[in-house]
Amino acid sequence: MPLDIRRLLTSETWIEAAEDPRIGHAALSLWAESWHQVPAGSLPNNERVLQRLSMCPTRDEWLRIRDRVMAGWVVAEDGLLYHPVVCEKALEAWTKKLEQRERTRKATEAREQKRREREEAAQRERDEQRDVVRDVVRDESRDVHQGTGTGTGTGTGNIKTTTTHAPAHTHANTEPATTLQAPERRGGIAKLLRDKGIQCTYSHPIVVQWAQDGITDETICLAIESARLHKPPPEPIPLKYLDPIVQRFATEGVHAPGFRASPASQRRDQRRAFIDELTGGGGPPVIAGTAKRVG
């Protein structure tokens, strides 16, 4: 039970208890007991029970202090005794408890919402990865040699065979399972290109070839940066335009023709070239000279 110290010390009952400590003891006992009653702040309207709850040792002692101890208590319609101050404190405590419950409920709902969002995001990522693999495998299955024929039932008929050809820049490969290699890598390349604003599909021949050649994301990003020097946004970059740059970077590295270094790198290369020109080589600069005695 919360105790309002200033309110207690200035109350008439407590001031009178200075001359008769039994009054203060009995009054505080009844207040504390009523706090735990149901309803809170109430006491049974029974003299024997009130005597026991007030901790008075005898009935005569209770009757002597009863009127001063019970000052402020009122009888309600339900027949119970209620103390207005104790009821006020009980109502405040109940209101705070309800507010705390509401805060706890909202915090729990917020945590659950964040948990559901994380799970949904993870599920979307898994679904997207599964769709990438499924689409790549499905598209590759369409590129496998297929045959269709019609017959008259006598064992004669026409057979039409379609064969896919690799792009011009690819090398011949006789392994039948080559087109089904690394479907996840092709999906990763396609996603990287789309993130960079280049439209493509998982089964695009150039994407397939890059995946087979082991082209890295770094090489693709460098090629896109180089291509953007001539095709700034929002101008699209066709894959046929980007493919030769990627192949050149993959073969010759970042110093391939067409690669533009940063200004700092250009200045550094110029200083190195100047030093090499002075020293006649690529090693550290050496100052040649002869010693001469002075004096």
Protein backbone atom coordinates (compact mmCIF):
# COMPACT_ATOMS: atom_id res chain seq x y z
CA MET A 1 0.00 0.00 0.00
CA PRO A 2 1.44 3.41 -0.92
CA LEU A 3 1.81 5.71 2.07
CA ASP A 4 1.25 9.44 1.59
CA ILE A 5 3.58 10.68 4.35
CA ARG A 6 2.65 14.38 4.25
CA ARG A 7 -1.07 13.57 4.20
CA LEU A 8 -0.66 11.12 7.08
CA LEU A 9 1.35 13.44 9.33
CA THR A 10 -1.19 16.28 8.97
CA SER A 11 -4.30 14.13 9.56
CA GLU A 12 -6.30 14.59 12.79
CA THR A 13 -6.22 10.87 13.61
CA TRP A 14 -2.41 10.78 13.50
CA ILE A 15 -2.06 13.98 15.51
CA GLU A 16 -4.33 12.57 18.23
CA ALA A 17 -2.23 9.39 18.17
CA ALA A 18 0.69 11.40 19.56
CA GLU A 19 -1.02 11.39 22.98
CA ASP A 20 -2.39 7.85 22.64
CA PRO A 21 -0.09 5.58 20.52
CA ARG A 22 -2.69 2.79 20.58
CA ILE A 23 -4.85 4.91 18.22
CA GLY A 24 -2.11 5.21 15.60
CA HIS A 25 -1.27 1.52 15.85
CA ALA A 26 -4.89 0.42 15.44
CA ALA A 27 -5.65 2.92 12.65
CA LEU A 28 -2.61 1.94 10.57
CA SER A 29 -3.39 -1.76 11.08
CA LEU A 30 -6.93 -1.31 9.76
CA TRP A 31 -5.74 0.76 6.75
CA ALA A 32 -3.18 -1.87 5.81
CA GLU A 33 -5.66 -4.71 6.21
CA SER A 34 -8.30 -2.99 4.08
CA TRP A 35 -5.76 -2.63 1.26
CA HIS A 36 -5.74 -6.43 0.82
CA GLN A 37 -9.49 -6.89 1.15
CA VAL A 38 -11.86 -7.46 -1.77
CA PRO A 39 -12.99 -4.88 -2.70
CA ALA A 40 -9.81 -2.98 -1.86
CA GLY A 41 -10.22 -0.31 0.83
CA SER A 42 -13.06 -2.13 2.62
CA LEU A 43 -13.53 -3.86 5.97
CA PRO A 44 -16.32 -6.07 7.33
CA ASN A 45 -18.80 -4.19 9.54
CA ASN A 46 -18.28 -6.53 12.51
CA GLU A 47 -17.01 -5.32 15.88
CA ARG A 48 -15.30 -8.59 16.85
CA VAL A 49 -13.46 -8.75 13.51
CA LEU A 50 -12.51 -5.07 13.70
CA GLN A 51 -11.05 -5.60 17.15
CA ARG A 52 -8.88 -8.49 15.92
CA LEU A 53 -7.78 -6.65 12.80
CA SER A 54 -6.86 -3.52 14.80
CA MET A 55 -4.53 -5.60 16.99
CA CYS A 56 -6.28 -4.44 20.17
CA PRO A 57 -5.60 -6.98 22.95
CA THR A 58 -9.00 -6.67 24.69
CA ARG A 59 -12.53 -5.68 23.80
CA ASP A 60 -12.50 -2.92 26.40
CA GLU A 61 -9.38 -1.41 24.78
CA TRP A 62 -11.06 -1.49 21.39
CA LEU A 63 -14.22 0.16 22.66
CA ARG A 64 -12.12 2.88 24.29
CA ILE A 65 -10.42 3.95 21.01
CA ARG A 66 -13.01 2.80 18.47
CA ASP A 67 -14.62 6.16 17.69
CA ARG A 68 -11.30 7.91 17.06
CA VAL A 69 -9.83 4.99 15.07
CA MET A 70 -12.93 4.57 12.86
CA ALA A 71 -13.19 8.30 12.06
CA GLY A 72 -13.44 8.66 8.30
CA TRP A 73 -14.82 5.17 7.64
CA VAL A 74 -18.27 5.03 6.01
CA VAL A 75 -20.83 2.26 5.56
CA ALA A 76 -21.72 1.61 1.90
CA GLU A 77 -24.84 0.02 0.37
CA ASP A 78 -23.19 -3.42 0.36
CA GLY A 79 -22.84 -3.25 4.17
CA LEU A 80 -19.05 -2.95 4.19
CA LEU A 81 -16.95 -0.19 5.70
CA TYR A 82 -14.89 1.90 3.26
CA HIS A 83 -12.12 4.42 3.89
CA PRO A 84 -12.11 7.17 1.20
CA VAL A 85 -8.32 7.71 1.23
CA VAL A 86 -7.50 4.01 1.03
CA CYS A 87 -10.04 3.60 -1.81
CA GLU A 88 -8.47 6.57 -3.63
CA LYS A 89 -4.99 5.01 -3.40
CA ALA A 90 -6.36 1.63 -4.48
CA LEU A 91 -8.02 3.20 -7.54
CA GLU A 92 -4.77 4.98 -8.49
CA ALA A 93 -2.80 1.73 -8.15
CA TRP A 94 -5.37 -0.16 -10.24
CA THR A 95 -5.24 2.50 -12.98
CA LYS A 96 -1.44 2.33 -13.08
CA LYS A 97 -1.61 -1.45 -13.28
CA LEU A 98 -3.98 -1.27 -16.25
CA GLU A 99 -1.70 1.25 -17.97
CA GLN A 100 1.29 -1.02 -17.40
CA ARG A 101 -0.62 -3.95 -18.86
CA GLU A 102 -1.45 -1.88 -21.94
CA ARG A 103 2.19 -0.84 -22.39
CA THR A 104 3.29 -4.45 -22.02
CA ARG A 105 0.68 -5.57 -24.56
CA LYS A 106 1.79 -2.98 -27.12
CA ALA A 107 5.47 -3.84 -26.60
CA THR A 108 4.71 -7.53 -27.04
CA GLU A 109 2.75 -6.84 -30.22
CA ALA A 110 5.60 -4.69 -31.57
CA ARG A 111 8.12 -7.48 -30.91
CA GLU A 112 5.85 -10.03 -32.55
CA GLN A 113 5.37 -7.74 -35.55
CA LYS A 114 9.14 -7.33 -35.99
CA ARG A 115 9.60 -11.09 -35.65
CA ARG A 116 6.93 -11.75 -38.29
CA GLU A 117 8.51 -9.18 -40.62
CA ARG A 118 11.92 -10.84 -40.24
CA GLU A 119 10.43 -14.26 -40.94
CA GLU A 120 8.50 -12.95 -43.95
CA ALA A 121 11.62 -11.27 -45.33
CA ALA A 122 13.62 -14.48 -44.89
CA GLN A 123 10.84 -16.47 -46.54
CA ARG A 124 10.70 -14.05 -49.48
CA GLU A 125 14.46 -14.38 -49.90
CA ARG A 126 14.21 -18.19 -49.86
CA ASP A 127 11.33 -18.07 -52.33
CA GLU A 128 13.25 -15.75 -54.63
CA GLN A 129 16.31 -17.99 -54.55
CA ARG A 130 14.16 -21.04 -55.22
CA ASP A 131 12.46 -19.26 -58.12
CA VAL A 132 15.86 -18.32 -59.56
CA VAL A 133 17.01 -21.92 -59.53
CA ARG A 134 13.67 -23.17 -60.86
CA ASP A 135 13.58 -20.64 -63.71
CA VAL A 136 17.16 -21.32 -64.72
CA VAL A 137 16.65 -25.08 -64.74
CA ARG A 138 13.37 -24.70 -66.61
CA ASP A 139 14.89 -22.38 -69.21
CA GLU A 140 17.85 -24.69 -69.66
CA SER A 141 15.57 -27.68 -70.13
CA ARG A 142 14.02 -25.85 -73.08
CA ASP A 143 17.45 -25.47 -74.65
CA VAL A 144 18.21 -29.20 -74.50
CA HIS A 145 18.06 -31.00 -77.84
CA GLN A 146 14.44 -31.89 -78.50
CA GLY A 147 12.95 -34.05 -81.27
CA THR A 148 9.44 -34.19 -82.61
CA GLY A 149 8.16 -36.55 -85.24
CA THR A 150 5.02 -37.66 -87.00
CA GLY A 151 4.41 -41.15 -88.35
CA THR A 152 1.86 -43.15 -90.26
CA GLY A 153 2.21 -46.23 -88.15
CA THR A 154 4.39 -47.96 -90.72
CA GLY A 155 7.69 -46.79 -89.26
CA THR A 156 8.20 -43.77 -91.50
CA GLY A 157 8.10 -40.16 -90.50
CA ASN A 158 9.90 -36.83 -90.37
CA ILE A 159 12.06 -35.79 -87.42
CA LYS A 160 12.96 -32.17 -86.74
CA THR A 161 15.85 -31.47 -84.46
CA THR A 162 16.73 -28.09 -83.00
CA THR A 163 20.21 -27.35 -81.74
CA THR A 164 21.29 -24.35 -79.70
CA HIS A 165 24.52 -22.57 -80.60
CA ALA A 166 26.86 -20.81 -78.22
CA PRO A 167 27.50 -17.06 -78.69
CA ALA A 168 30.28 -16.05 -81.05
CA HIS A 169 32.73 -15.25 -78.27
CA THR A 170 32.40 -18.64 -76.54
CA HIS A 171 34.62 -21.63 -76.99
CA ALA A 172 33.28 -24.93 -78.23
CA ASN A 173 32.42 -27.35 -75.48
CA THR A 174 31.28 -30.88 -76.14
CA GLU A 175 30.23 -31.68 -72.57
CA PRO A 176 26.44 -32.26 -72.58
CA ALA A 177 25.90 -31.02 -69.02
CA THR A 178 27.59 -27.64 -69.55
CA THR A 179 24.35 -25.72 -70.03
CA LEU A 180 23.05 -26.91 -66.68
CA GLN A 181 26.07 -25.82 -64.65
CA ALA A 182 25.85 -23.32 -61.77
CA PRO A 183 22.17 -22.26 -61.96
CA GLU A 184 22.51 -20.34 -58.72
CA ARG A 185 25.49 -18.41 -60.11
CA ARG A 186 23.51 -17.39 -63.18
CA GLY A 187 20.69 -16.23 -60.98
CA GLY A 188 23.17 -14.20 -58.90
CA ILE A 189 24.61 -12.55 -62.03
CA ALA A 190 21.13 -11.72 -63.31
CA LYS A 191 20.15 -10.20 -59.97
CA LEU A 192 23.37 -8.13 -59.86
CA LEU A 193 22.71 -6.77 -63.35
CA ARG A 194 19.11 -5.89 -62.52
CA ASP A 195 20.27 -4.11 -59.36
CA LYS A 196 22.61 -2.07 -61.58
CA GLY A 197 19.71 -1.15 -63.90
CA ILE A 198 20.50 -3.62 -66.69
CA GLN A 199 17.54 -5.71 -67.77
CA CYS A 200 18.22 -9.38 -68.44
CA THR A 201 16.92 -12.88 -67.79
CA TYR A 202 18.46 -15.83 -66.02
CA SER A 203 18.76 -17.82 -69.25
CA HIS A 204 20.26 -15.09 -71.41
CA PRO A 205 23.14 -16.64 -73.40
CA ILE A 206 25.59 -13.98 -72.24
CA VAL A 207 24.65 -14.53 -68.58
CA VAL A 208 24.99 -18.28 -69.08
CA GLN A 209 28.44 -17.82 -70.64
CA TRP A 210 29.61 -15.52 -67.83
CA ALA A 211 28.57 -18.09 -65.27
CA GLN A 212 30.41 -20.85 -67.15
CA ASP A 213 33.54 -18.68 -67.51
CA GLY A 214 33.57 -17.87 -63.78
CA ILE A 215 33.20 -14.10 -64.23
CA THR A 216 33.25 -12.46 -60.81
CA ASP A 217 30.90 -9.78 -59.50
CA GLU A 218 33.86 -7.39 -59.18
CA THR A 219 34.67 -7.77 -62.87
CA ILE A 220 31.04 -7.14 -63.83
CA CYS A 221 30.84 -4.04 -61.61
CA LEU A 222 34.08 -2.65 -63.08
CA ALA A 223 32.79 -3.25 -66.59
CA ILE A 224 29.53 -1.46 -65.78
CA GLU A 225 31.44 1.53 -64.36
CA SER A 226 33.54 1.66 -67.51
CA ALA A 227 30.46 1.43 -69.72
CA ARG A 228 28.77 4.23 -67.78
CA LEU A 229 31.53 6.58 -68.86
CA HIS A 230 30.05 6.43 -72.36
CA LYS A 231 26.44 5.60 -71.47
CA PRO A 232 25.51 7.66 -68.38
CA PRO A 233 22.14 7.05 -66.70
CA PRO A 234 19.35 6.82 -67.65
CA GLU A 235 20.70 5.50 -70.96
CA PRO A 236 20.41 1.68 -70.89
CA ILE A 237 23.43 -0.57 -71.29
CA PRO A 238 22.69 -3.55 -73.56
CA LEU A 239 24.30 -6.84 -72.61
CA LYS A 240 25.83 -7.06 -76.09
CA TYR A 241 27.56 -3.73 -75.42
CA LEU A 242 28.71 -4.80 -71.94
CA ASP A 243 29.90 -8.30 -72.88
CA PRO A 244 33.14 -7.28 -74.70
CA ILE A 245 34.11 -5.02 -71.79
CA VAL A 246 33.55 -7.84 -69.29
CA GLN A 247 35.56 -10.27 -71.42
CA ARG A 248 38.40 -7.73 -71.75
CA PHE A 249 38.51 -7.08 -68.00
CA ALA A 250 38.35 -10.80 -67.24
CA THR A 251 41.29 -11.42 -69.59
CA GLU A 252 43.50 -8.37 -69.03
CA GLY A 253 42.42 -7.15 -65.57
CA VAL A 254 41.67 -3.60 -64.47
CA HIS A 255 44.37 -2.19 -66.77
CA ALA A 256 42.50 -3.34 -69.87
CA PRO A 257 42.06 -0.72 -72.62
CA GLY A 258 39.02 1.37 -71.95
CA PHE A 259 39.38 1.25 -68.18
CA ARG A 260 39.51 4.73 -66.70
CA ALA A 261 41.29 4.95 -63.37
CA SER A 262 40.48 7.48 -60.69
CA PRO A 263 42.30 10.85 -60.71
CA ALA A 264 44.37 9.81 -57.69
CA SER A 265 45.46 6.61 -59.43
CA GLN A 266 46.31 8.57 -62.58
CA ARG A 267 48.48 11.01 -60.61
CA ARG A 268 50.22 8.13 -58.83
CA ASP A 269 50.94 6.38 -62.14
CA GLN A 270 52.30 9.65 -63.58
CA ARG A 271 54.68 10.07 -60.62
CA ARG A 272 55.89 6.48 -61.03
CA ALA A 273 56.47 7.04 -64.75
CA PHE A 274 58.42 10.26 -64.02
CA ILE A 275 60.64 8.52 -61.45
CA ASP A 276 61.23 5.60 -63.83
CA GLU A 277 62.23 8.08 -66.51
CA LEU A 278 64.74 9.77 -64.19
CA THR A 279 66.25 6.58 -62.82
CA GLY A 280 66.12 4.62 -66.05
CA GLY A 281 64.17 1.76 -64.57
CA GLY A 282 61.42 0.60 -62.31
CA GLY A 283 63.51 0.43 -59.14
CA PRO A 284 63.96 3.05 -56.42
CA PRO A 285 65.63 6.31 -57.49
CA VAL A 286 69.45 6.39 -57.18
CA ILE A 287 71.46 9.62 -57.19
CA ALA A 288 74.88 9.14 -58.81
CA GLY A 289 77.82 11.34 -57.88
CA THR A 290 81.44 11.50 -56.69
CA ALA A 291 82.68 12.60 -53.32
CA LYS A 292 84.86 15.72 -53.04
CA ARG A 293 86.81 16.83 -49.97
CA VAL A 294 86.00 20.32 -48.84
CA GLY A 295 88.77 22.61 -47.54
